[in-house]
Amino acid sequence: MASPFQKQARDRKFIYIGLIIVLFTFAWFWRHYNIDAQASKLAIREINRGDVELSGSVIRLTLCPLDFCD
């Protein structure tokens, strides 16, 4: 049986993991529905500007696989 200290530590870890998941999910939805929509409306996306570079995009997406660096 685990000691009370170990139980508290485990409970804190679950709370922190849950908070991280909630915050990342919120950030993804905020970006997807707010930031990307505004960028498209203002025509400031990379495609709209006309300077799409394949090699730069591949490197950026390789270094930031979760799409947080765009």
N, C-alpha and C. Protein backbone atom coordinates (compact mmCIF):
# COMPACT_ATOMS: atom_id res chain seq x y z
N MET A 1 0.83 -1.17 0.00
CA MET A 1 0.00 0.00 0.00
C MET A 1 0.88 1.25 0.00
N ALA A 2 0.46 2.25 -0.74
CA ALA A 2 1.25 3.46 -0.87
C ALA A 2 1.07 4.35 0.36
N SER A 3 2.12 5.08 0.65
CA SER A 3 2.05 6.01 1.77
C SER A 3 1.22 7.22 1.37
N PRO A 4 0.74 7.99 2.33
CA PRO A 4 -0.05 9.19 2.00
C PRO A 4 0.72 10.18 1.14
N PHE A 5 2.02 10.28 1.39
CA PHE A 5 2.84 11.20 0.58
C PHE A 5 2.88 10.76 -0.88
N GLN A 6 3.05 9.45 -1.11
CA GLN A 6 3.07 8.94 -2.48
C GLN A 6 1.72 9.14 -3.16
N LYS A 7 0.65 8.97 -2.41
CA LYS A 7 -0.70 9.16 -2.98
C LYS A 7 -0.90 10.62 -3.36
N GLN A 8 -0.47 11.54 -2.51
CA GLN A 8 -0.59 12.96 -2.81
C GLN A 8 0.23 13.33 -4.05
N ALA A 9 1.44 12.79 -4.14
CA ALA A 9 2.31 13.07 -5.29
C ALA A 9 1.68 12.53 -6.57
N ARG A 10 1.11 11.33 -6.51
CA ARG A 10 0.46 10.75 -7.68
C ARG A 10 -0.77 11.57 -8.09
N ASP A 11 -1.55 12.00 -7.11
CA ASP A 11 -2.73 12.80 -7.40
C ASP A 11 -2.34 14.14 -8.04
N ARG A 12 -1.28 14.76 -7.54
CA ARG A 12 -0.80 16.03 -8.13
C ARG A 12 -0.35 15.83 -9.57
N LYS A 13 0.31 14.71 -9.84
CA LYS A 13 0.76 14.44 -11.21
C LYS A 13 -0.43 14.30 -12.15
N PHE A 14 -1.47 13.60 -11.72
CA PHE A 14 -2.66 13.46 -12.55
C PHE A 14 -3.34 14.81 -12.78
N ILE A 15 -3.38 15.64 -11.75
CA ILE A 15 -3.98 16.97 -11.90
C ILE A 15 -3.16 17.80 -12.88
N TYR A 16 -1.84 17.78 -12.77
CA TYR A 16 -0.99 18.55 -13.67
C TYR A 16 -1.13 18.07 -15.11
N ILE A 17 -1.15 16.76 -15.31
CA ILE A 17 -1.31 16.22 -16.66
C ILE A 17 -2.66 16.63 -17.24
N GLY A 18 -3.70 16.56 -16.42
CA GLY A 18 -5.02 16.98 -16.87
C GLY A 18 -5.05 18.46 -17.25
N LEU A 19 -4.43 19.30 -16.43
CA LEU A 19 -4.38 20.74 -16.73
C LEU A 19 -3.60 21.01 -18.02
N ILE A 20 -2.51 20.30 -18.21
CA ILE A 20 -1.72 20.48 -19.43
C ILE A 20 -2.55 20.10 -20.65
N ILE A 21 -3.26 19.00 -20.58
CA ILE A 21 -4.10 18.57 -21.71
C ILE A 21 -5.20 19.60 -21.98
N VAL A 22 -5.83 20.10 -20.93
CA VAL A 22 -6.89 21.10 -21.10
C VAL A 22 -6.33 22.37 -21.72
N LEU A 23 -5.18 22.84 -21.24
CA LEU A 23 -4.60 24.08 -21.77
C LEU A 23 -4.15 23.93 -23.22
N PHE A 24 -3.53 22.80 -23.57
CA PHE A 24 -3.12 22.59 -24.95
C PHE A 24 -4.33 22.48 -25.87
N THR A 25 -5.39 21.83 -25.41
CA THR A 25 -6.60 21.71 -26.21
C THR A 25 -7.21 23.09 -26.43
N PHE A 26 -7.30 23.89 -25.37
CA PHE A 26 -7.82 25.25 -25.49
C PHE A 26 -6.98 26.07 -26.46
N ALA A 27 -5.66 25.98 -26.35
CA ALA A 27 -4.77 26.73 -27.23
C ALA A 27 -4.95 26.31 -28.68
N TRP A 28 -5.15 25.02 -28.93
CA TRP A 28 -5.35 24.54 -30.30
C TRP A 28 -6.65 25.09 -30.87
N PHE A 29 -7.73 25.02 -30.09
CA PHE A 29 -9.01 25.54 -30.57
C PHE A 29 -8.95 27.05 -30.78
N TRP A 30 -8.30 27.75 -29.87
CA TRP A 30 -8.16 29.21 -30.00
C TRP A 30 -7.43 29.55 -31.30
N ARG A 31 -6.36 28.84 -31.57
CA ARG A 31 -5.60 29.11 -32.77
C ARG A 31 -6.39 28.73 -34.01
N HIS A 32 -7.00 27.57 -33.97
CA HIS A 32 -7.70 27.06 -35.16
C HIS A 32 -8.89 27.93 -35.52
N TYR A 33 -9.67 28.35 -34.55
CA TYR A 33 -10.90 29.08 -34.85
C TYR A 33 -10.76 30.59 -34.78
N ASN A 34 -9.75 31.11 -34.14
CA ASN A 34 -9.62 32.55 -34.01
C ASN A 34 -8.44 33.08 -34.81
N ILE A 35 -7.26 32.63 -34.50
CA ILE A 35 -6.05 33.17 -35.12
C ILE A 35 -5.99 32.84 -36.61
N ASP A 36 -6.22 31.58 -36.98
CA ASP A 36 -6.18 31.20 -38.39
C ASP A 36 -7.27 31.90 -39.20
N ALA A 37 -8.45 32.06 -38.60
CA ALA A 37 -9.54 32.74 -39.31
C ALA A 37 -9.17 34.21 -39.56
N GLN A 38 -8.58 34.86 -38.58
CA GLN A 38 -8.18 36.26 -38.76
C GLN A 38 -7.05 36.38 -39.78
N ALA A 39 -6.12 35.45 -39.76
CA ALA A 39 -5.03 35.49 -40.73
C ALA A 39 -5.56 35.31 -42.15
N SER A 40 -6.52 34.43 -42.32
CA SER A 40 -7.11 34.24 -43.65
C SER A 40 -7.89 35.49 -44.07
N LYS A 41 -8.63 36.06 -43.14
CA LYS A 41 -9.43 37.25 -43.46
C LYS A 41 -8.54 38.44 -43.84
N LEU A 42 -7.43 38.58 -43.15
CA LEU A 42 -6.51 39.69 -43.43
C LEU A 42 -5.51 39.37 -44.54
N ALA A 43 -5.57 38.16 -45.08
CA ALA A 43 -4.70 37.71 -46.17
C ALA A 43 -3.22 37.82 -45.79
N ILE A 44 -2.89 37.40 -44.59
CA ILE A 44 -1.49 37.44 -44.17
C ILE A 44 -0.91 36.05 -43.99
N ARG A 45 -1.61 35.05 -44.51
CA ARG A 45 -1.07 33.69 -44.47
C ARG A 45 0.03 33.57 -45.51
N GLU A 46 0.88 32.59 -45.34
CA GLU A 46 2.02 32.41 -46.23
C GLU A 46 1.57 32.21 -47.68
N ILE A 47 0.50 31.49 -47.88
CA ILE A 47 0.00 31.23 -49.24
C ILE A 47 -0.50 32.52 -49.88
N ASN A 48 -1.17 33.37 -49.10
CA ASN A 48 -1.71 34.61 -49.64
C ASN A 48 -0.61 35.61 -49.99
N ARG A 49 0.49 35.55 -49.28
CA ARG A 49 1.59 36.48 -49.55
C ARG A 49 2.38 36.08 -50.78
N GLY A 50 2.31 34.82 -51.15
CA GLY A 50 2.96 34.38 -52.38
C GLY A 50 4.40 33.93 -52.23
N ASP A 51 4.90 33.82 -51.02
CA ASP A 51 6.29 33.41 -50.85
C ASP A 51 6.39 32.08 -50.11
N VAL A 52 5.70 31.09 -50.61
CA VAL A 52 5.73 29.77 -50.00
C VAL A 52 7.03 29.08 -50.40
N GLU A 53 7.82 28.71 -49.41
CA GLU A 53 9.07 28.02 -49.65
C GLU A 53 8.95 26.61 -49.10
N LEU A 54 9.08 25.63 -49.96
CA LEU A 54 8.91 24.24 -49.55
C LEU A 54 9.96 23.81 -48.54
N SER A 55 11.21 24.15 -48.79
CA SER A 55 12.27 23.69 -47.87
C SER A 55 12.12 24.33 -46.49
N GLY A 56 11.79 25.60 -46.43
CA GLY A 56 11.59 26.27 -45.15
C GLY A 56 10.40 25.70 -44.40
N SER A 57 9.34 25.40 -45.12
CA SER A 57 8.16 24.81 -44.49
C SER A 57 8.45 23.42 -43.95
N VAL A 58 9.20 22.63 -44.71
CA VAL A 58 9.54 21.28 -44.26
C VAL A 58 10.39 21.33 -43.00
N ILE A 59 11.36 22.21 -42.95
CA ILE A 59 12.22 22.32 -41.77
C ILE A 59 11.41 22.80 -40.58
N ARG A 60 10.56 23.81 -40.77
CA ARG A 60 9.74 24.32 -39.68
C ARG A 60 8.79 23.25 -39.15
N LEU A 61 8.16 22.50 -40.03
CA LEU A 61 7.23 21.46 -39.60
C LEU A 61 7.96 20.28 -38.97
N THR A 62 9.18 20.02 -39.39
CA THR A 62 9.96 18.94 -38.79
C THR A 62 10.37 19.31 -37.37
N LEU A 63 10.75 20.56 -37.15
CA LEU A 63 11.16 20.99 -35.82
C LEU A 63 10.00 21.20 -34.88
N CYS A 64 8.82 21.45 -35.41
CA CYS A 64 7.62 21.70 -34.60
C CYS A 64 6.50 20.78 -35.07
N PRO A 65 6.55 19.50 -34.75
CA PRO A 65 5.59 18.55 -35.29
C PRO A 65 4.16 18.74 -34.79
N LEU A 66 3.95 19.42 -33.68
CA LEU A 66 2.59 19.58 -33.15
C LEU A 66 1.94 20.86 -33.66
N ASP A 67 2.55 21.50 -34.62
CA ASP A 67 1.98 22.68 -35.26
C ASP A 67 1.84 23.86 -34.30
N PHE A 68 2.80 24.03 -33.39
CA PHE A 68 2.77 25.15 -32.48
C PHE A 68 3.68 26.29 -32.92
N CYS A 69 4.45 26.08 -33.96
CA CYS A 69 5.45 27.07 -34.33
C CYS A 69 5.06 27.91 -35.53
N ASP A 70 3.92 27.70 -36.13
CA ASP A 70 3.54 28.50 -37.31
C ASP A 70 3.25 29.92 -36.93
